[in-house]
Amino acid sequence: MTVRREGDLIRLEGACPVEEAETLAALLLAGPDLAVEWSGCTFLHTAVVQVLLRLRPPLRGTCGDAFAARWLAPRLSVPDPS
């Protein structure tokens, strides 16, 4: 499992395939104040990207997926309090 909840964070780790989009959406809908820590993520399937774009959780760290860090992170620019 590459999407897991850890306290007030949802961690994205390794390659996050399409199957994890539903898990991520369920976690974010159940806890709309949860932040997503994605520095351990190495790949995001577009379904996971769509969840992030739609639900716009606060993000922690810099995404390990260079493409997402370069092109997606600026579009999800929610102030990072950490």
PDB file of N, CA and C in Angstrom:
ATOM      1  N   MET A   1       0.852  -1.183   0.000  1.00  0.00           N
ATOM      2  CA  MET A   1       0.000   0.000   0.000  1.00  0.00           C
ATOM      3  C   MET A   1       0.890   1.236   0.000  1.00  0.00           C
ATOM      4  N   THR A   2       0.642   2.127  -0.909  1.00  0.00           N
ATOM      5  CA  THR A   2       1.467   3.322  -1.031  1.00  0.00           C
ATOM      6  C   THR A   2       0.779   4.563  -0.480  1.00  0.00           C
ATOM      7  N   VAL A   3      -0.469   4.422  -0.070  1.00  0.00           N
ATOM      8  CA  VAL A   3      -1.198   5.521   0.557  1.00  0.00           C
ATOM      9  C   VAL A   3      -1.618   5.041   1.935  1.00  0.00           C
ATOM     10  N   ARG A   4      -1.170   5.752   2.955  1.00  0.00           N
ATOM     11  CA  ARG A   4      -1.562   5.342   4.308  1.00  0.00           C
ATOM     12  C   ARG A   4      -1.679   6.567   5.197  1.00  0.00           C
ATOM     13  N   ARG A   5      -2.566   6.437   6.155  1.00  0.00           N
ATOM     14  CA  ARG A   5      -2.755   7.524   7.115  1.00  0.00           C
ATOM     15  C   ARG A   5      -1.824   7.309   8.287  1.00  0.00           C
ATOM     16  N   GLU A   6      -1.205   8.412   8.712  1.00  0.00           N
ATOM     17  CA  GLU A   6      -0.310   8.381   9.872  1.00  0.00           C
ATOM     18  C   GLU A   6      -0.604   9.644  10.676  1.00  0.00           C
ATOM     19  N   GLY A   7      -1.439   9.531  11.681  1.00  0.00           N
ATOM     20  CA  GLY A   7      -1.825  10.697  12.477  1.00  0.00           C
ATOM     21  C   GLY A   7      -2.622  11.678  11.646  1.00  0.00           C
ATOM     22  N   ASP A   8      -2.148  12.918  11.583  1.00  0.00           N
ATOM     23  CA  ASP A   8      -2.831  13.953  10.817  1.00  0.00           C
ATOM     24  C   ASP A   8      -2.340  14.048   9.384  1.00  0.00           C
ATOM     25  N   LEU A   9      -1.560  13.073   8.973  1.00  0.00           N
ATOM     26  CA  LEU A   9      -1.002  13.073   7.616  1.00  0.00           C
ATOM     27  C   LEU A   9      -1.456  11.861   6.831  1.00  0.00           C
ATOM     28  N   ILE A  10      -1.551  12.051   5.542  1.00  0.00           N
ATOM     29  CA  ILE A  10      -1.686  10.937   4.617  1.00  0.00           C
ATOM     30  C   ILE A  10      -0.365  10.875   3.866  1.00  0.00           C
ATOM     31  N   ARG A  11       0.303   9.745   3.948  1.00  0.00           N
ATOM     32  CA  ARG A  11       1.598   9.606   3.278  1.00  0.00           C
ATOM     33  C   ARG A  11       1.425   8.906   1.941  1.00  0.00           C
ATOM     34  N   LEU A  12       2.042   9.501   0.925  1.00  0.00           N
ATOM     35  CA  LEU A  12       2.136   8.863  -0.384  1.00  0.00           C
ATOM     36  C   LEU A  12       3.570   8.377  -0.522  1.00  0.00           C
ATOM     37  N   GLU A  13       3.737   7.074  -0.738  1.00  0.00           N
ATOM     38  CA  GLU A  13       5.076   6.493  -0.765  1.00  0.00           C
ATOM     39  C   GLU A  13       5.258   5.620  -1.998  1.00  0.00           C
ATOM     40  N   GLY A  14       6.438   5.720  -2.588  1.00  0.00           N
ATOM     41  CA  GLY A  14       6.738   4.909  -3.770  1.00  0.00           C
ATOM     42  C   GLY A  14       5.861   5.295  -4.941  1.00  0.00           C
ATOM     43  N   ALA A  15       5.602   4.335  -5.810  1.00  0.00           N
ATOM     44  CA  ALA A  15       4.729   4.568  -6.958  1.00  0.00           C
ATOM     45  C   ALA A  15       3.278   4.440  -6.510  1.00  0.00           C
ATOM     46  N   CYS A  16       2.477   5.459  -6.768  1.00  0.00           N
ATOM     47  CA  CYS A  16       1.074   5.469  -6.366  1.00  0.00           C
ATOM     48  C   CYS A  16       0.218   5.152  -7.597  1.00  0.00           C
ATOM     49  N   PRO A  17      -0.211   3.887  -7.724  1.00  0.00           N
ATOM     50  CA  PRO A  17      -0.954   3.465  -8.905  1.00  0.00           C
ATOM     51  C   PRO A  17      -2.422   3.868  -8.842  1.00  0.00           C
ATOM     52  N   VAL A  18      -3.125   3.593  -9.915  1.00  0.00           N
ATOM     53  CA  VAL A  18      -4.537   3.956 -10.029  1.00  0.00           C
ATOM     54  C   VAL A  18      -5.352   3.415  -8.859  1.00  0.00           C
ATOM     55  N   GLU A  19      -5.014   2.235  -8.380  1.00  0.00           N
ATOM     56  CA  GLU A  19      -5.788   1.616  -7.298  1.00  0.00           C
ATOM     57  C   GLU A  19      -5.765   2.450  -6.024  1.00  0.00           C
ATOM     58  N   GLU A  20      -4.786   3.293  -5.863  1.00  0.00           N
ATOM     59  CA  GLU A  20      -4.670   4.091  -4.642  1.00  0.00           C
ATOM     60  C   GLU A  20      -5.507   5.374  -4.690  1.00  0.00           C
ATOM     61  N   ALA A  21      -6.012   5.723  -5.853  1.00  0.00           N
ATOM     62  CA  ALA A  21      -6.811   6.944  -5.967  1.00  0.00           C
ATOM     63  C   ALA A  21      -8.055   6.874  -5.084  1.00  0.00           C
ATOM     64  N   GLU A  22      -8.716   5.736  -5.092  1.00  0.00           N
ATOM     65  CA  GLU A  22      -9.926   5.587  -4.279  1.00  0.00           C
ATOM     66  C   GLU A  22      -9.589   5.652  -2.789  1.00  0.00           C
ATOM     67  N   THR A  23      -8.498   5.026  -2.391  1.00  0.00           N
ATOM     68  CA  THR A  23      -8.070   5.077  -0.993  1.00  0.00           C
ATOM     69  C   THR A  23      -7.774   6.512  -0.583  1.00  0.00           C
ATOM     70  N   LEU A  24      -7.029   7.221  -1.429  1.00  0.00           N
ATOM     71  CA  LEU A  24      -6.702   8.613  -1.126  1.00  0.00           C
ATOM     72  C   LEU A  24      -7.961   9.473  -1.031  1.00  0.00           C
ATOM     73  N   ALA A  25      -8.871   9.301  -1.967  1.00  0.00           N
ATOM     74  CA  ALA A  25     -10.117  10.081  -1.938  1.00  0.00           C
ATOM     75  C   ALA A  25     -10.916   9.782  -0.675  1.00  0.00           C
ATOM     76  N   ALA A  26     -11.009   8.518  -0.305  1.00  0.00           N
ATOM     77  CA  ALA A  26     -11.769   8.145   0.893  1.00  0.00           C
ATOM     78  C   ALA A  26     -11.147   8.758   2.145  1.00  0.00           C
ATOM     79  N   LEU A  27      -9.831   8.714   2.239  1.00  0.00           N
ATOM     80  CA  LEU A  27      -9.156   9.297   3.406  1.00  0.00           C
ATOM     81  C   LEU A  27      -9.373  10.804   3.471  1.00  0.00           C
ATOM     82  N   LEU A  28      -9.265  11.470   2.334  1.00  0.00           N
ATOM     83  CA  LEU A  28      -9.429  12.931   2.325  1.00  0.00           C
ATOM     84  C   LEU A  28     -10.874  13.344   2.573  1.00  0.00           C
ATOM     85  N   LEU A  29     -11.811  12.577   2.082  1.00  0.00           N
ATOM     86  CA  LEU A  29     -13.218  12.915   2.322  1.00  0.00           C
ATOM     87  C   LEU A  29     -13.600  12.657   3.777  1.00  0.00           C
ATOM     88  N   ALA A  30     -13.001  11.636   4.384  1.00  0.00           N
ATOM     89  CA  ALA A  30     -13.280  11.336   5.791  1.00  0.00           C
ATOM     90  C   ALA A  30     -12.587  12.325   6.729  1.00  0.00           C
ATOM     91  N   GLY A  31     -11.473  12.885   6.266  1.00  0.00           N
ATOM     92  CA  GLY A  31     -10.709  13.830   7.094  1.00  0.00           C
ATOM     93  C   GLY A  31     -10.286  15.017   6.259  1.00  0.00           C
ATOM     94  N   PRO A  32     -11.188  15.946   6.003  1.00  0.00           N
ATOM     95  CA  PRO A  32     -10.852  17.062   5.101  1.00  0.00           C
ATOM     96  C   PRO A  32      -9.733  17.967   5.604  1.00  0.00           C
ATOM     97  N   ASP A  33      -9.377  17.867   6.871  1.00  0.00           N
ATOM     98  CA  ASP A  33      -8.279  18.680   7.401  1.00  0.00           C
ATOM     99  C   ASP A  33      -6.929  17.976   7.318  1.00  0.00           C
ATOM    100  N   LEU A  34      -6.918  16.756   6.817  1.00  0.00           N
ATOM    101  CA  LEU A  34      -5.666  16.007   6.725  1.00  0.00           C
ATOM    102  C   LEU A  34      -4.770  16.596   5.645  1.00  0.00           C
ATOM    103  N   ALA A  35      -3.479  16.599   5.906  1.00  0.00           N
ATOM    104  CA  ALA A  35      -2.497  17.028   4.919  1.00  0.00           C
ATOM    105  C   ALA A  35      -1.897  15.793   4.257  1.00  0.00           C
ATOM    106  N   VAL A  36      -1.350  16.002   3.084  1.00  0.00           N
ATOM    107  CA  VAL A  36      -0.702  14.920   2.343  1.00  0.00           C
ATOM    108  C   VAL A  36       0.802  15.172   2.308  1.00  0.00           C
ATOM    109  N   GLU A  37       1.547  14.194   2.773  1.00  0.00           N
ATOM    110  CA  GLU A  37       3.011  14.252   2.735  1.00  0.00           C
ATOM    111  C   GLU A  37       3.440  13.391   1.551  1.00  0.00           C
ATOM    112  N   TRP A  38       4.031  14.000   0.544  1.00  0.00           N
ATOM    113  CA  TRP A  38       4.300  13.275  -0.697  1.00  0.00           C
ATOM    114  C   TRP A  38       5.775  13.234  -1.075  1.00  0.00           C
ATOM    115  N   SER A  39       6.665  13.529  -0.153  1.00  0.00           N
ATOM    116  CA  SER A  39       8.089  13.521  -0.507  1.00  0.00           C
ATOM    117  C   SER A  39       8.601  12.109  -0.783  1.00  0.00           C
ATOM    118  N   GLY A  40       7.935  11.088  -0.270  1.00  0.00           N
ATOM    119  CA  GLY A  40       8.351   9.717  -0.543  1.00  0.00           C
ATOM    120  C   GLY A  40       7.740   9.127  -1.788  1.00  0.00           C
ATOM    121  N   CYS A  41       6.939   9.905  -2.478  1.00  0.00           N
ATOM    122  CA  CYS A  41       6.259   9.423  -3.679  1.00  0.00           C
ATOM    123  C   CYS A  41       7.201   9.515  -4.881  1.00  0.00           C
ATOM    124  N   THR A  42       7.274   8.456  -5.656  1.00  0.00           N
ATOM    125  CA  THR A  42       8.159   8.457  -6.832  1.00  0.00           C
ATOM    126  C   THR A  42       7.388   8.511  -8.141  1.00  0.00           C
ATOM    127  N   PHE A  43       6.081   8.252  -8.089  1.00  0.00           N
ATOM    128  CA  PHE A  43       5.249   8.284  -9.293  1.00  0.00           C
ATOM    129  C   PHE A  43       3.801   8.456  -8.870  1.00  0.00           C
ATOM    130  N   LEU A  44       3.071   9.316  -9.582  1.00  0.00           N
ATOM    131  CA  LEU A  44       1.647   9.509  -9.320  1.00  0.00           C
ATOM    132  C   LEU A  44       0.862   9.149 -10.573  1.00  0.00           C
ATOM    133  N   HIS A  45      -0.041   8.191 -10.459  1.00  0.00           N
ATOM    134  CA  HIS A  45      -0.951   7.901 -11.567  1.00  0.00           C
ATOM    135  C   HIS A  45      -1.876   9.099 -11.744  1.00  0.00           C
ATOM    136  N   THR A  46      -2.333   9.324 -12.957  1.00  0.00           N
ATOM    137  CA  THR A  46      -3.189  10.494 -13.202  1.00  0.00           C
ATOM    138  C   THR A  46      -4.476  10.459 -12.381  1.00  0.00           C
ATOM    139  N   ALA A  47      -4.947   9.288 -12.011  1.00  0.00           N
ATOM    140  CA  ALA A  47      -6.144   9.216 -11.160  1.00  0.00           C
ATOM    141  C   ALA A  47      -5.842   9.801  -9.775  1.00  0.00           C
ATOM    142  N   VAL A  48      -4.659   9.550  -9.281  1.00  0.00           N
ATOM    143  CA  VAL A  48      -4.249  10.113  -7.991  1.00  0.00           C
ATOM    144  C   VAL A  48      -4.090  11.630  -8.131  1.00  0.00           C
ATOM    145  N   VAL A  49      -3.537  12.049  -9.244  1.00  0.00           N
ATOM    146  CA  VAL A  49      -3.399  13.486  -9.512  1.00  0.00           C
ATOM    147  C   VAL A  49      -4.782  14.153  -9.523  1.00  0.00           C
ATOM    148  N   GLN A  50      -5.739  13.514 -10.144  1.00  0.00           N
ATOM    149  CA  GLN A  50      -7.090  14.078 -10.205  1.00  0.00           C
ATOM    150  C   GLN A  50      -7.692  14.235  -8.812  1.00  0.00           C
ATOM    151  N   VAL A  51      -7.450  13.276  -7.935  1.00  0.00           N
ATOM    152  CA  VAL A  51      -7.941  13.385  -6.558  1.00  0.00           C
ATOM    153  C   VAL A  51      -7.305  14.595  -5.876  1.00  0.00           C
ATOM    154  N   LEU A  52      -6.005  14.748  -6.064  1.00  0.00           N
ATOM    155  CA  LEU A  52      -5.318  15.898  -5.447  1.00  0.00           C
ATOM    156  C   LEU A  52      -5.841  17.218  -6.015  1.00  0.00           C
ATOM    157  N   LEU A  53      -6.058  17.257  -7.320  1.00  0.00           N
ATOM    158  CA  LEU A  53      -6.559  18.489  -7.928  1.00  0.00           C
ATOM    159  C   LEU A  53      -7.981  18.806  -7.469  1.00  0.00           C
ATOM    160  N   ARG A  54      -8.799  17.800  -7.318  1.00  0.00           N
ATOM    161  CA  ARG A  54     -10.194  18.008  -6.933  1.00  0.00           C
ATOM    162  C   ARG A  54     -10.344  18.369  -5.458  1.00  0.00           C
ATOM    163  N   LEU A  55      -9.606  17.673  -4.586  1.00  0.00           N
ATOM    164  CA  LEU A  55      -9.800  17.854  -3.139  1.00  0.00           C
ATOM    165  C   LEU A  55      -8.800  18.834  -2.526  1.00  0.00           C
ATOM    166  N   ARG A  56      -7.710  19.105  -3.221  1.00  0.00           N
ATOM    167  CA  ARG A  56      -6.720  20.122  -2.840  1.00  0.00           C
ATOM    168  C   ARG A  56      -6.327  20.104  -1.355  1.00  0.00           C
ATOM    169  N   PRO A  57      -5.795  18.987  -0.914  1.00  0.00           N
ATOM    170  CA  PRO A  57      -5.334  18.949   0.479  1.00  0.00           C
ATOM    171  C   PRO A  57      -4.057  19.772   0.641  1.00  0.00           C
ATOM    172  N   PRO A  58      -3.772  20.232   1.844  1.00  0.00           N
ATOM    173  CA  PRO A  58      -2.461  20.851   2.076  1.00  0.00           C
ATOM    174  C   PRO A  58      -1.381  19.803   1.832  1.00  0.00           C
ATOM    175  N   LEU A  59      -0.313  20.206   1.181  1.00  0.00           N
ATOM    176  CA  LEU A  59       0.774  19.286   0.858  1.00  0.00           C
ATOM    177  C   LEU A  59       1.976  19.578   1.731  1.00  0.00           C
ATOM    178  N   ARG A  60       2.667  18.532   2.117  1.00  0.00           N
ATOM    179  CA  ARG A  60       3.885  18.654   2.919  1.00  0.00           C
ATOM    180  C   ARG A  60       5.046  18.084   2.117  1.00  0.00           C
ATOM    181  N   GLY A  61       6.163  18.759   2.147  1.00  0.00           N
ATOM    182  CA  GLY A  61       7.347  18.282   1.455  1.00  0.00           C
ATOM    183  C   GLY A  61       7.302  18.553  -0.036  1.00  0.00           C
ATOM    184  N   THR A  62       8.336  18.076  -0.696  1.00  0.00           N
ATOM    185  CA  THR A  62       8.446  18.179  -2.150  1.00  0.00           C
ATOM    186  C   THR A  62       8.252  16.794  -2.734  1.00  0.00           C
ATOM    187  N   CYS A  63       7.383  16.696  -3.709  1.00  0.00           N
ATOM    188  CA  CYS A  63       7.084  15.394  -4.298  1.00  0.00           C
ATOM    189  C   CYS A  63       8.336  14.770  -4.894  1.00  0.00           C
ATOM    190  N   GLY A  64       8.511  13.473  -4.655  1.00  0.00           N
ATOM    191  CA  GLY A  64       9.644  12.747  -5.216  1.00  0.00           C
ATOM    192  C   GLY A  64       9.499  12.477  -6.699  1.00  0.00           C
ATOM    193  N   ASP A  65       8.303  12.659  -7.251  1.00  0.00           N
ATOM    194  CA  ASP A  65       8.065  12.542  -8.692  1.00  0.00           C
ATOM    195  C   ASP A  65       8.408  13.900  -9.303  1.00  0.00           C
ATOM    196  N   ALA A  66       9.506  13.934 -10.054  1.00  0.00           N
ATOM    197  CA  ALA A  66       9.999  15.217 -10.574  1.00  0.00           C
ATOM    198  C   ALA A  66       8.956  15.935 -11.427  1.00  0.00           C
ATOM    199  N   PHE A  67       8.209  15.194 -12.220  1.00  0.00           N
ATOM    200  CA  PHE A  67       7.191  15.823 -13.058  1.00  0.00           C
ATOM    201  C   PHE A  67       6.118  16.481 -12.196  1.00  0.00           C
ATOM    202  N   ALA A  68       5.651  15.756 -11.187  1.00  0.00           N
ATOM    203  CA  ALA A  68       4.618  16.310 -10.299  1.00  0.00           C
ATOM    204  C   ALA A  68       5.162  17.497  -9.515  1.00  0.00           C
ATOM    205  N   ALA A  69       6.399  17.388  -9.065  1.00  0.00           N
ATOM    206  CA  ALA A  69       6.989  18.497  -8.307  1.00  0.00           C
ATOM    207  C   ALA A  69       7.087  19.748  -9.168  1.00  0.00           C
ATOM    208  N   ARG A  70       7.424  19.555 -10.434  1.00  0.00           N
ATOM    209  CA  ARG A  70       7.611  20.703 -11.334  1.00  0.00           C
ATOM    210  C   ARG A  70       6.283  21.291 -11.809  1.00  0.00           C
ATOM    211  N   TRP A  71       5.341  20.436 -12.192  1.00  0.00           N
ATOM    212  CA  TRP A  71       4.146  20.930 -12.869  1.00  0.00           C
ATOM    213  C   TRP A  71       2.878  20.896 -12.028  1.00  0.00           C
ATOM    214  N   LEU A  72       2.789  19.956 -11.117  1.00  0.00           N
ATOM    215  CA  LEU A  72       1.558  19.838 -10.331  1.00  0.00           C
ATOM    216  C   LEU A  72       1.602  20.681  -9.063  1.00  0.00           C
ATOM    217  N   ALA A  73       2.705  20.654  -8.374  1.00  0.00           N
ATOM    218  CA  ALA A  73       2.805  21.362  -7.097  1.00  0.00           C
ATOM    219  C   ALA A  73       2.423  22.842  -7.207  1.00  0.00           C
ATOM    220  N   PRO A  74       2.875  23.575  -8.242  1.00  0.00           N
ATOM    221  CA  PRO A  74       2.469  24.985  -8.323  1.00  0.00           C
ATOM    222  C   PRO A  74       0.962  25.174  -8.472  1.00  0.00           C
ATOM    223  N   ARG A  75       0.297  24.183  -9.076  1.00  0.00           N
ATOM    224  CA  ARG A  75      -1.153  24.293  -9.256  1.00  0.00           C
ATOM    225  C   ARG A  75      -1.917  23.901  -8.002  1.00  0.00           C
ATOM    226  N   LEU A  76      -1.232  23.274  -7.100  1.00  0.00           N
ATOM    227  CA  LEU A  76      -1.838  22.892  -5.821  1.00  0.00           C
ATOM    228  C   LEU A  76      -1.309  23.788  -4.709  1.00  0.00           C
ATOM    229  N   SER A  77      -0.891  24.960  -5.064  1.00  0.00           N
ATOM    230  CA  SER A  77      -0.208  25.824  -4.105  1.00  0.00           C
ATOM    231  C   SER A  77      -1.130  26.259  -2.972  1.00  0.00           C
ATOM    232  N   VAL A  78      -1.120  25.445  -1.955  1.00  0.00           N
ATOM    233  CA  VAL A  78      -1.793  25.760  -0.703  1.00  0.00           C
ATOM    234  C   VAL A  78      -0.677  26.094   0.265  1.00  0.00           C
ATOM    235  N   PRO A  79      -0.775  27.175   1.004  1.00  0.00           N
ATOM    236  CA  PRO A  79       0.308  27.519   1.923  1.00  0.00           C
ATOM    237  C   PRO A  79       0.675  26.354   2.830  1.00  0.00           C
ATOM    238  N   ASP A  80       1.954  26.086   2.924  1.00  0.00           N
ATOM    239  CA  ASP A  80       2.474  25.007   3.753  1.00  0.00           C
ATOM    240  C   ASP A  80       2.932  25.591   5.082  1.00  0.00           C
ATOM    241  N   PRO A  81       2.207  25.325   6.190  1.00  0.00           N
ATOM    242  CA  PRO A  81       2.572  25.922   7.470  1.00  0.00           C
ATOM    243  C   PRO A  81       3.833  25.336   8.084  1.00  0.00           C
ATOM    244  N   SER A  82       4.348  24.231   7.535  1.00  0.00           N
ATOM    245  CA  SER A  82       5.550  23.641   8.149  1.00  0.00           C
ATOM    246  C   SER A  82       6.815  24.210   7.570  1.00  0.00           C
TER     247      SER A  82
END
